[in-house]
Amino acid sequence: MALQFIVPPERDGWLLRDFLRSCGVSSTAIRAAKRTAPGIQADGAVIFTNMPVHAGMCITLPTVPEASPELSAQDIPLTVVWENECAAAVEKPAGMAVHPTLNYADGTLANAWMGLLARRGEQGAFHPVYRLDKDTSGLLLLAKSAAAQPFLVRSCRKLYAAVLTGVLPQPQGTCRLPIGRAPDSVILRRISPDGEPACTHWQVLAQNEKYSLAVFRLETGRTHQIRVHMAALGCPLAGDDLYGGSKNAAFPRQALHCAALCFAPPQSGEIQLASAFPQQLLDAAGLGRAQQILSDACKAFFCEQAE
């Protein structure tokens, strides 16, 4: 695969290496591209990094084929909702870890992705742009190369949705409580004065006397950020027994879902994707008719990001 960039008028006359760095391409990726056939090209002709580029030029940067030999390819169903040669967005089911860990040696989304590539006869690696907890469902963005990953990280914005236990004090607001690791635990997080800064914007979409459906935009990406912040506000996620919620037959896991995703791959305009909240969780909360409200919230989120 290759990355492509069009030189804008304001960068006319820049040296190629400076132009590529301004696009977010690392020095390591530039060096690798120079050594990969057919080399870096401008409008189909080889160009060197000390040469100037001009407005309207199409710069093509080859990427080195990658592999993840440490990940076993497993024949696990995986739903791909969008894909091009730089990136793919998949639906992560609840109960599936993203990466193999000590407790989950296989059966992960990484194993499923490598299995999909193997079935296609393709070589590739696994580069998640962000992580989702094992029991969190929804959209997950993958980069198809290490070179493409920085562009996706920089442009990616997400909207999460969750069923909360109880009613938040306001219909919308922002929580800025710092989050740190709990003592004697590698998993548990807590609100801590000396923790890392964390910012969660929330908005309630629907509620009844027992549960609320809310959406969240994150300015930071702390581990368990939404779960910790909502517990601190007195409304833990339904099913989140780690932070005060009650796990039961109706809510067998924390009711958290990545519902909307927008990003800009290097060779494409902005991509907008939405994922329906698990209906069984809405039904369990008595909020079964809120699916359309959430769909409208995703559309509003996309409009805000486009402004």
Foldseek 3Di string as FASTA:
>chain_A
DKFKDFAAQVQFFPFQLVVVVVVVFDPVQQVQQCVDPPHKDWPRHHDDRRGTDGGGIMIIGDGDFDADVQAAADQDDWAWPDDDPWKTKTKQAAQAFQDADPVRNDRHVQNPVSNVCVVVVHHFHWAWLDGDHNREIEITMTTRDPRQNVQFNVFKWFKKKAKWFADFPDQWDKDFFAKDADPPDPQDIERDPPHHTWMKTKGWQDADGTITMMMITTPDDDHCRVQHRCLVRVIGFACDVSRPHDDDPQRPHGQMYGAKMWGCTSPGGIDIDGDFRPQSNCVSRVNNVCRVSVVVVSVVVVVVSVD
